[in-house]
Amino acid sequence: MNIRDIIEGKKEWRAHVARVKALPKDYQIVYKEIQRYYFKVGPVELTEDTGLLSGIVDLFEEGAALGKGVLQVTGNDVAAFCDDLIKDSKTYADIYQEPADQEVNKAMKKWTDKIK
């Protein structure tokens, strides 16, 4: 990553934050909780241009334009809404889990081969 990529990334993030700040207050509150949730859960493609957070802002802008309350868009169970959006996405937990599973499988194979 070169300096231009970093600068461009910062510009994109600032534009994203400006879009969030333009949302009605209830949307902002729920967006920040969703963002906090995703930073904990760790979906890999979180902030790319076509990524998850931009898609949520698009959805929220559309809901706000239609005069809907944020919970009419997400439903009352916001965590379930979040989980549903990433159900087919790779998370950082998945990335860390794969080598651990491989090591356990390798060790178990060695152990079972010894006792045979």
C-alpha atoms as a PDB file:
ATOM      1  CA  MET A   1       0.000   0.000   0.000  1.00  0.00           C
ATOM      2  CA  ASN A   2       1.454   3.321  -1.014  1.00  0.00           C
ATOM      3  CA  ILE A   3       0.769   6.805   0.301  1.00  0.00           C
ATOM      4  CA  ARG A   4      -1.812   7.527  -2.402  1.00  0.00           C
ATOM      5  CA  ASP A   5      -3.815   4.475  -1.356  1.00  0.00           C
ATOM      6  CA  ILE A   6      -3.740   5.624   2.262  1.00  0.00           C
ATOM      7  CA  ILE A   7      -4.853   9.143   1.336  1.00  0.00           C
ATOM      8  CA  GLU A   8      -7.605   7.818  -0.920  1.00  0.00           C
ATOM      9  CA  GLY A   9      -8.761   5.453   1.818  1.00  0.00           C
ATOM     10  CA  LYS A  10      -8.975   8.321   4.291  1.00  0.00           C
ATOM     11  CA  LYS A  11     -10.978  10.412   1.816  1.00  0.00           C
ATOM     12  CA  GLU A  12     -13.397   7.537   1.258  1.00  0.00           C
ATOM     13  CA  TRP A  13     -13.785   6.961   5.002  1.00  0.00           C
ATOM     14  CA  ARG A  14     -14.428  10.668   5.644  1.00  0.00           C
ATOM     15  CA  ALA A  15     -17.068  10.703   2.911  1.00  0.00           C
ATOM     16  CA  HIS A  16     -18.633   7.615   4.479  1.00  0.00           C
ATOM     17  CA  VAL A  17     -18.682   9.249   7.937  1.00  0.00           C
ATOM     18  CA  ALA A  18     -20.264  12.378   6.428  1.00  0.00           C
ATOM     19  CA  ARG A  19     -23.056  10.225   4.957  1.00  0.00           C
ATOM     20  CA  VAL A  20     -23.671   8.676   8.376  1.00  0.00           C
ATOM     21  CA  LYS A  21     -23.783  12.112  10.042  1.00  0.00           C
ATOM     22  CA  ALA A  22     -26.389  13.235   7.493  1.00  0.00           C
ATOM     23  CA  LEU A  23     -28.753  10.454   8.589  1.00  0.00           C
ATOM     24  CA  PRO A  24     -31.526  11.092  11.137  1.00  0.00           C
ATOM     25  CA  LYS A  25     -30.394  10.654  14.754  1.00  0.00           C
ATOM     26  CA  ASP A  26     -32.111   7.272  15.287  1.00  0.00           C
ATOM     27  CA  TYR A  27     -30.346   5.895  12.206  1.00  0.00           C
ATOM     28  CA  GLN A  28     -27.010   7.244  13.442  1.00  0.00           C
ATOM     29  CA  ILE A  29     -27.435   5.551  16.808  1.00  0.00           C
ATOM     30  CA  VAL A  30     -28.262   2.175  15.273  1.00  0.00           C
ATOM     31  CA  TYR A  31     -25.516   2.523  12.657  1.00  0.00           C
ATOM     32  CA  LYS A  32     -22.898   3.150  15.366  1.00  0.00           C
ATOM     33  CA  GLU A  33     -24.062   0.082  17.293  1.00  0.00           C
ATOM     34  CA  ILE A  34     -23.940  -2.014  14.112  1.00  0.00           C
ATOM     35  CA  GLN A  35     -20.446  -0.719  13.370  1.00  0.00           C
ATOM     36  CA  ARG A  36     -19.316  -1.509  16.926  1.00  0.00           C
ATOM     37  CA  TYR A  37     -20.824  -5.001  16.626  1.00  0.00           C
ATOM     38  CA  TYR A  38     -19.050  -5.665  13.327  1.00  0.00           C
ATOM     39  CA  PHE A  39     -15.730  -4.424  14.657  1.00  0.00           C
ATOM     40  CA  LYS A  40     -16.062  -7.067  17.374  1.00  0.00           C
ATOM     41  CA  VAL A  41     -17.308  -9.883  15.126  1.00  0.00           C
ATOM     42  CA  GLY A  42     -14.859  -9.018  12.374  1.00  0.00           C
ATOM     43  CA  PRO A  43     -16.248  -9.545   8.860  1.00  0.00           C
ATOM     44  CA  VAL A  44     -13.290  -9.257   6.484  1.00  0.00           C
ATOM     45  CA  GLU A  45     -14.852  -6.915   3.894  1.00  0.00           C
ATOM     46  CA  LEU A  46     -16.104  -4.255   6.254  1.00  0.00           C
ATOM     47  CA  THR A  47     -15.261  -0.890   4.712  1.00  0.00           C
ATOM     48  CA  GLU A  48     -14.565  -1.433   1.031  1.00  0.00           C
ATOM     49  CA  ASP A  49     -16.503   0.764  -1.398  1.00  0.00           C
ATOM     50  CA  THR A  50     -19.024  -1.976  -2.084  1.00  0.00           C
ATOM     51  CA  GLY A  51     -18.584  -3.338   1.398  1.00  0.00           C
ATOM     52  CA  LEU A  52     -20.944  -3.968   4.200  1.00  0.00           C
ATOM     53  CA  LEU A  53     -20.954  -0.591   5.944  1.00  0.00           C
ATOM     54  CA  SER A  54     -21.526   1.327   2.713  1.00  0.00           C
ATOM     55  CA  GLY A  55     -24.403  -0.988   1.908  1.00  0.00           C
ATOM     56  CA  ILE A  56     -25.931  -0.359   5.317  1.00  0.00           C
ATOM     57  CA  VAL A  57     -25.654   3.411   4.811  1.00  0.00           C
ATOM     58  CA  ASP A  58     -27.324   3.011   1.399  1.00  0.00           C
ATOM     59  CA  LEU A  59     -30.150   1.043   3.026  1.00  0.00           C
ATOM     60  CA  PHE A  60     -30.489   3.582   5.833  1.00  0.00           C
ATOM     61  CA  GLU A  61     -30.537   6.534   3.420  1.00  0.00           C
ATOM     62  CA  GLU A  62     -33.286   4.836   1.447  1.00  0.00           C
ATOM     63  CA  GLY A  63     -35.299   4.063   4.600  1.00  0.00           C
ATOM     64  CA  ALA A  64     -34.926   7.619   5.869  1.00  0.00           C
ATOM     65  CA  ALA A  65     -35.984   9.022   2.494  1.00  0.00           C
ATOM     66  CA  LEU A  66     -39.143   6.899   2.677  1.00  0.00           C
ATOM     67  CA  GLY A  67     -39.856   8.261   6.150  1.00  0.00           C
ATOM     68  CA  LYS A  68     -39.364   4.926   7.902  1.00  0.00           C
ATOM     69  CA  GLY A  69     -37.988   4.613  11.403  1.00  0.00           C
ATOM     70  CA  VAL A  70     -34.693   2.764  11.638  1.00  0.00           C
ATOM     71  CA  LEU A  71     -36.231  -0.252  13.382  1.00  0.00           C
ATOM     72  CA  GLN A  72     -38.714  -0.565  10.514  1.00  0.00           C
ATOM     73  CA  VAL A  73     -35.648  -1.098   8.307  1.00  0.00           C
ATOM     74  CA  THR A  74     -33.617  -3.401  10.567  1.00  0.00           C
ATOM     75  CA  GLY A  75     -36.331  -5.010  12.649  1.00  0.00           C
ATOM     76  CA  ASN A  76     -36.317  -4.950  16.451  1.00  0.00           C
ATOM     77  CA  ASP A  77     -33.497  -7.502  16.733  1.00  0.00           C
ATOM     78  CA  VAL A  78     -30.610  -5.482  15.314  1.00  0.00           C
ATOM     79  CA  ALA A  79     -28.036  -8.197  16.156  1.00  0.00           C
ATOM     80  CA  ALA A  80     -30.024 -10.726  14.117  1.00  0.00           C
ATOM     81  CA  PHE A  81     -30.140  -8.186  11.271  1.00  0.00           C
ATOM     82  CA  CYS A  82     -26.341  -7.878  11.480  1.00  0.00           C
ATOM     83  CA  ASP A  83     -25.784 -11.627  11.629  1.00  0.00           C
ATOM     84  CA  ASP A  84     -28.046 -12.177   8.638  1.00  0.00           C
ATOM     85  CA  LEU A  85     -26.021  -9.700   6.575  1.00  0.00           C
ATOM     86  CA  ILE A  86     -22.752 -11.541   7.226  1.00  0.00           C
ATOM     87  CA  LYS A  87     -23.983 -15.138   7.298  1.00  0.00           C
ATOM     88  CA  ASP A  88     -22.133 -15.950   4.061  1.00  0.00           C
ATOM     89  CA  SER A  89     -19.150 -13.670   4.702  1.00  0.00           C
ATOM     90  CA  LYS A  90     -15.756 -14.746   5.887  1.00  0.00           C
ATOM     91  CA  THR A  91     -14.855 -13.313   9.286  1.00  0.00           C
ATOM     92  CA  TYR A  92     -11.500 -12.881  10.952  1.00  0.00           C
ATOM     93  CA  ALA A  93     -12.608 -15.555  13.398  1.00  0.00           C
ATOM     94  CA  ASP A  94     -12.930 -17.958  10.443  1.00  0.00           C
ATOM     95  CA  ILE A  95      -9.437 -17.069   9.267  1.00  0.00           C
ATOM     96  CA  TYR A  96      -7.942 -17.757  12.704  1.00  0.00           C
ATOM     97  CA  GLN A  97     -10.021 -20.880  13.216  1.00  0.00           C
ATOM     98  CA  GLU A  98      -8.868 -22.655  10.027  1.00  0.00           C
ATOM     99  CA  PRO A  99      -5.192 -23.106  11.033  1.00  0.00           C
ATOM    100  CA  ALA A 100      -6.213 -24.091  14.564  1.00  0.00           C
ATOM    101  CA  ASP A 101      -8.547 -26.770  13.195  1.00  0.00           C
ATOM    102  CA  GLN A 102      -5.828 -28.012  10.839  1.00  0.00           C
ATOM    103  CA  GLU A 103      -3.324 -28.287  13.693  1.00  0.00           C
ATOM    104  CA  VAL A 104      -5.805 -30.175  15.881  1.00  0.00           C
ATOM    105  CA  ASN A 105      -6.639 -32.551  13.028  1.00  0.00           C
ATOM    106  CA  LYS A 106      -2.950 -33.126  12.331  1.00  0.00           C
ATOM    107  CA  ALA A 107      -2.198 -33.814  16.002  1.00  0.00           C
ATOM    108  CA  MET A 108      -5.171 -36.157  16.341  1.00  0.00           C
ATOM    109  CA  LYS A 109      -4.099 -38.071  13.251  1.00  0.00           C
ATOM    110  CA  LYS A 110      -0.578 -38.523  14.679  1.00  0.00           C
ATOM    111  CA  TRP A 111      -2.038 -39.658  17.983  1.00  0.00           C
ATOM    112  CA  THR A 112      -4.447 -42.158  16.410  1.00  0.00           C
ATOM    113  CA  ASP A 113      -1.681 -43.488  14.136  1.00  0.00           C
ATOM    114  CA  LYS A 114       0.491 -44.135  17.236  1.00  0.00           C
ATOM    115  CA  ILE A 115      -2.177 -46.087  19.078  1.00  0.00           C
ATOM    116  CA  LYS A 116      -2.978 -48.333  16.097  1.00  0.00           C
END
